[in-house]
Each structure stands twice: as structure tokens, then as C-alpha cells.
Amino acid sequence: MNTIETARVYLRPFTADDLDAFAVIGSDPDVMRYIGEGKPQSRQQTQARLNAIYSSDVTYYAITREEYERDDSTYIRKSEKG
């Protein structure tokens, strides 16, 4: 899968290493009220969600800050696979 890089943002496909950061987001009620059923997720639910991302026909990108650090500000962007 491709990565996309600009002067300030680095987008890359999710990896298994993203589970910790993704679990932080998934457990945050203030974030999750806008996603899915609107409820925080357990680590196991977050792992299942990542597994669904891996097997999806849509490419999901992790967006990291300009410093290219993995942290709990990782978000998702969808793009058609092609």
C-alpha cells in the first residue's frame, strides 16, 4: 500500500503497531461519541476493528503529525483501493 507525505503530514496504512494508539482513541468517550455506536471500546473491540480495517476493500490511512511520531492523535481517512 502507498504512503502519502506532505510537508506537514504523513499518511500510511495501519499496522499492528498501531493498536496501542488506536486503543487510546477507542477508549475515549469524548472521541467515541461521534463514532459507531457512540460508546467507548475495549482493547479487544479495538483489535477487532483493526482486523476489519486490514481485511477491508477500502484503504484506511493512519495520519501522523509532521514529526512522524506515532501517538494518540492517529486518525482514519478512507480512500478507494486502486
N, C-alpha and C. Protein backbone atom coordinates (compact mmCIF):
# COMPACT_ATOMS: atom_id res chain seq x y z
N MET A 1 0.83 -1.17 0.00
CA MET A 1 0.00 0.00 0.00
C MET A 1 0.88 1.24 0.00
N ASN A 2 0.32 2.29 -0.52
CA ASN A 2 1.07 3.52 -0.66
C ASN A 2 1.03 4.37 0.60
N THR A 3 2.06 5.18 0.75
CA THR A 3 2.06 6.21 1.77
C THR A 3 1.93 7.55 1.05
N ILE A 4 1.44 8.54 1.76
CA ILE A 4 1.31 9.89 1.22
C ILE A 4 2.00 10.82 2.19
N GLU A 5 2.89 11.65 1.66
CA GLU A 5 3.66 12.54 2.52
C GLU A 5 3.59 13.96 1.98
N THR A 6 3.33 14.91 2.90
CA THR A 6 3.40 16.33 2.57
C THR A 6 4.41 16.96 3.51
N ALA A 7 4.54 18.27 3.45
CA ALA A 7 5.49 18.95 4.33
C ALA A 7 5.10 18.82 5.79
N ARG A 8 3.79 18.62 6.08
CA ARG A 8 3.35 18.60 7.48
C ARG A 8 2.66 17.31 7.91
N VAL A 9 2.30 16.45 6.99
CA VAL A 9 1.52 15.27 7.33
C VAL A 9 2.09 14.04 6.64
N TYR A 10 1.99 12.91 7.33
CA TYR A 10 2.41 11.62 6.78
C TYR A 10 1.26 10.65 6.94
N LEU A 11 0.74 10.13 5.83
CA LEU A 11 -0.34 9.16 5.84
C LEU A 11 0.23 7.82 5.43
N ARG A 12 -0.14 6.78 6.19
CA ARG A 12 0.35 5.44 5.88
C ARG A 12 -0.71 4.44 6.28
N PRO A 13 -0.70 3.28 5.67
CA PRO A 13 -1.66 2.25 6.07
C PRO A 13 -1.44 1.84 7.53
N PHE A 14 -2.52 1.44 8.18
CA PHE A 14 -2.42 0.96 9.55
C PHE A 14 -1.57 -0.31 9.61
N THR A 15 -0.91 -0.50 10.75
CA THR A 15 -0.14 -1.71 11.01
C THR A 15 -0.54 -2.24 12.39
N ALA A 16 -0.07 -3.42 12.72
CA ALA A 16 -0.35 -4.00 14.03
C ALA A 16 0.24 -3.14 15.15
N ASP A 17 1.28 -2.38 14.84
CA ASP A 17 1.90 -1.50 15.84
C ASP A 17 1.00 -0.34 16.26
N ASP A 18 -0.09 -0.11 15.53
CA ASP A 18 -1.00 0.99 15.84
C ASP A 18 -2.02 0.65 16.92
N LEU A 19 -2.06 -0.58 17.38
CA LEU A 19 -3.08 -0.98 18.33
C LEU A 19 -3.07 -0.13 19.60
N ASP A 20 -1.91 0.13 20.18
CA ASP A 20 -1.86 0.90 21.42
C ASP A 20 -2.48 2.29 21.26
N ALA A 21 -2.06 3.01 20.23
CA ALA A 21 -2.60 4.36 20.00
C ALA A 21 -4.08 4.31 19.64
N PHE A 22 -4.47 3.33 18.84
CA PHE A 22 -5.86 3.18 18.43
C PHE A 22 -6.73 2.82 19.63
N ALA A 23 -6.20 2.03 20.56
CA ALA A 23 -6.94 1.66 21.76
C ALA A 23 -7.17 2.87 22.67
N VAL A 24 -6.22 3.79 22.71
CA VAL A 24 -6.39 5.02 23.49
C VAL A 24 -7.56 5.82 22.93
N ILE A 25 -7.60 5.95 21.62
CA ILE A 25 -8.70 6.68 20.98
C ILE A 25 -10.02 5.95 21.20
N GLY A 26 -10.02 4.63 21.02
CA GLY A 26 -11.24 3.84 21.15
C GLY A 26 -11.82 3.83 22.55
N SER A 27 -10.99 4.08 23.55
CA SER A 27 -11.48 4.06 24.93
C SER A 27 -11.90 5.45 25.42
N ASP A 28 -11.71 6.46 24.60
CA ASP A 28 -12.02 7.84 24.99
C ASP A 28 -13.49 8.17 24.68
N PRO A 29 -14.33 8.35 25.70
CA PRO A 29 -15.75 8.62 25.45
C PRO A 29 -15.99 9.89 24.65
N ASP A 30 -15.14 10.91 24.81
CA ASP A 30 -15.31 12.16 24.06
C ASP A 30 -15.06 11.98 22.57
N VAL A 31 -14.22 11.06 22.21
CA VAL A 31 -13.97 10.76 20.80
C VAL A 31 -15.03 9.81 20.27
N MET A 32 -15.30 8.76 21.00
CA MET A 32 -16.17 7.70 20.50
C MET A 32 -17.64 8.09 20.41
N ARG A 33 -18.04 9.17 21.05
CA ARG A 33 -19.45 9.57 20.93
C ARG A 33 -19.80 9.95 19.50
N TYR A 34 -18.79 10.21 18.66
CA TYR A 34 -19.01 10.55 17.25
C TYR A 34 -18.79 9.37 16.31
N ILE A 35 -18.41 8.23 16.84
CA ILE A 35 -18.02 7.09 16.01
C ILE A 35 -18.85 5.87 16.36
N GLY A 36 -19.30 5.15 15.35
CA GLY A 36 -20.03 3.90 15.57
C GLY A 36 -21.26 4.08 16.44
N GLU A 37 -21.34 3.28 17.49
CA GLU A 37 -22.49 3.32 18.39
C GLU A 37 -22.37 4.42 19.43
N GLY A 38 -21.29 5.18 19.39
CA GLY A 38 -21.13 6.29 20.31
C GLY A 38 -20.65 5.92 21.69
N LYS A 39 -20.10 4.71 21.82
CA LYS A 39 -19.64 4.22 23.13
C LYS A 39 -18.16 3.86 23.06
N PRO A 40 -17.43 4.05 24.17
CA PRO A 40 -16.03 3.63 24.20
C PRO A 40 -15.89 2.13 23.93
N GLN A 41 -14.74 1.75 23.41
CA GLN A 41 -14.47 0.34 23.09
C GLN A 41 -13.38 -0.22 23.99
N SER A 42 -13.47 -1.51 24.25
CA SER A 42 -12.40 -2.20 24.97
C SER A 42 -11.23 -2.42 24.01
N ARG A 43 -10.11 -2.81 24.55
CA ARG A 43 -8.94 -3.12 23.70
C ARG A 43 -9.27 -4.25 22.72
N GLN A 44 -10.04 -5.24 23.18
CA GLN A 44 -10.42 -6.36 22.31
C GLN A 44 -11.32 -5.88 21.17
N GLN A 45 -12.23 -4.96 21.46
CA GLN A 45 -13.08 -4.41 20.41
C GLN A 45 -12.26 -3.59 19.41
N THR A 46 -11.28 -2.87 19.93
CA THR A 46 -10.40 -2.09 19.07
C THR A 46 -9.58 -3.02 18.18
N GLN A 47 -9.09 -4.12 18.72
CA GLN A 47 -8.35 -5.10 17.92
C GLN A 47 -9.23 -5.65 16.82
N ALA A 48 -10.48 -5.96 17.14
CA ALA A 48 -11.42 -6.46 16.13
C ALA A 48 -11.65 -5.41 15.04
N ARG A 49 -11.71 -4.15 15.44
CA ARG A 49 -11.90 -3.08 14.46
C ARG A 49 -10.68 -2.97 13.55
N LEU A 50 -9.48 -3.07 14.11
CA LEU A 50 -8.27 -3.06 13.28
C LEU A 50 -8.25 -4.25 12.33
N ASN A 51 -8.66 -5.41 12.80
CA ASN A 51 -8.71 -6.59 11.93
C ASN A 51 -9.66 -6.35 10.77
N ALA A 52 -10.79 -5.69 11.03
CA ALA A 52 -11.73 -5.36 9.96
C ALA A 52 -11.11 -4.38 8.97
N ILE A 53 -10.32 -3.44 9.48
CA ILE A 53 -9.64 -2.49 8.59
C ILE A 53 -8.67 -3.23 7.68
N TYR A 54 -7.91 -4.18 8.25
CA TYR A 54 -6.94 -4.93 7.45
C TYR A 54 -7.61 -5.70 6.31
N SER A 55 -8.80 -6.22 6.54
CA SER A 55 -9.46 -7.06 5.54
C SER A 55 -10.45 -6.30 4.67
N SER A 56 -10.53 -5.00 4.83
CA SER A 56 -11.49 -4.18 4.09
C SER A 56 -11.06 -3.97 2.64
N ASP A 57 -12.04 -3.70 1.78
CA ASP A 57 -11.76 -3.34 0.39
C ASP A 57 -11.45 -1.85 0.25
N VAL A 58 -11.49 -1.14 1.36
CA VAL A 58 -11.17 0.28 1.39
C VAL A 58 -9.84 0.45 2.11
N THR A 59 -9.00 1.34 1.62
CA THR A 59 -7.74 1.62 2.29
C THR A 59 -7.98 2.65 3.38
N TYR A 60 -7.56 2.34 4.60
CA TYR A 60 -7.64 3.25 5.72
C TYR A 60 -6.24 3.73 6.03
N TYR A 61 -6.06 5.03 6.18
CA TYR A 61 -4.75 5.58 6.46
C TYR A 61 -4.64 6.08 7.89
N ALA A 62 -3.50 5.86 8.48
CA ALA A 62 -3.17 6.48 9.76
C ALA A 62 -2.50 7.81 9.43
N ILE A 63 -2.96 8.87 10.05
CA ILE A 63 -2.41 10.19 9.82
C ILE A 63 -1.57 10.56 11.02
N THR A 64 -0.31 10.87 10.78
CA THR A 64 0.57 11.23 11.88
C THR A 64 1.03 12.67 11.72
N ARG A 65 1.54 13.22 12.78
CA ARG A 65 1.99 14.61 12.76
C ARG A 65 3.26 14.76 11.95
N GLU A 66 3.64 16.00 11.71
CA GLU A 66 4.80 16.27 10.88
C GLU A 66 6.08 15.66 11.41
N GLU A 67 6.13 15.39 12.72
CA GLU A 67 7.32 14.77 13.28
C GLU A 67 7.36 13.27 13.01
N TYR A 68 6.30 12.73 12.40
CA TYR A 68 6.19 11.31 12.05
C TYR A 68 6.20 10.41 13.27
N GLU A 69 5.75 10.93 14.40
CA GLU A 69 5.69 10.12 15.61
C GLU A 69 4.34 9.44 15.69
N ARG A 70 4.32 8.23 16.21
CA ARG A 70 3.06 7.54 16.48
C ARG A 70 2.61 7.98 17.85
N ASP A 71 1.42 8.55 17.93
CA ASP A 71 0.91 8.96 19.22
C ASP A 71 -0.60 8.83 19.19
N ASP A 72 -1.26 9.31 20.23
CA ASP A 72 -2.70 9.10 20.29
C ASP A 72 -3.49 10.11 19.47
N SER A 73 -2.83 10.80 18.54
CA SER A 73 -3.54 11.69 17.63
C SER A 73 -3.73 11.03 16.26
N THR A 74 -3.64 9.72 16.19
CA THR A 74 -3.82 9.00 14.95
C THR A 74 -5.30 8.98 14.57
N TYR A 75 -5.60 9.28 13.32
CA TYR A 75 -6.96 9.31 12.83
C TYR A 75 -7.08 8.42 11.60
N ILE A 76 -8.28 8.31 11.08
CA ILE A 76 -8.53 7.46 9.91
C ILE A 76 -9.00 8.32 8.75
N ARG A 77 -8.52 7.98 7.59
CA ARG A 77 -9.04 8.58 6.36
C ARG A 77 -9.28 7.45 5.38
N LYS A 78 -10.43 7.47 4.70
CA LYS A 78 -10.76 6.42 3.75
C LYS A 78 -10.35 6.85 2.34
N SER A 79 -9.94 5.86 1.55
CA SER A 79 -9.64 6.10 0.14
C SER A 79 -9.97 4.82 -0.60
N GLU A 80 -10.51 4.94 -1.79
CA GLU A 80 -10.79 3.75 -2.59
C GLU A 80 -9.49 3.04 -2.92
N LYS A 81 -9.49 1.72 -2.78
CA LYS A 81 -8.32 0.94 -3.17
C LYS A 81 -8.24 0.98 -4.69
N GLY A 82 -7.01 0.98 -5.17
CA GLY A 82 -6.89 1.02 -6.62
C GLY A 82 -5.57 0.76 -7.13
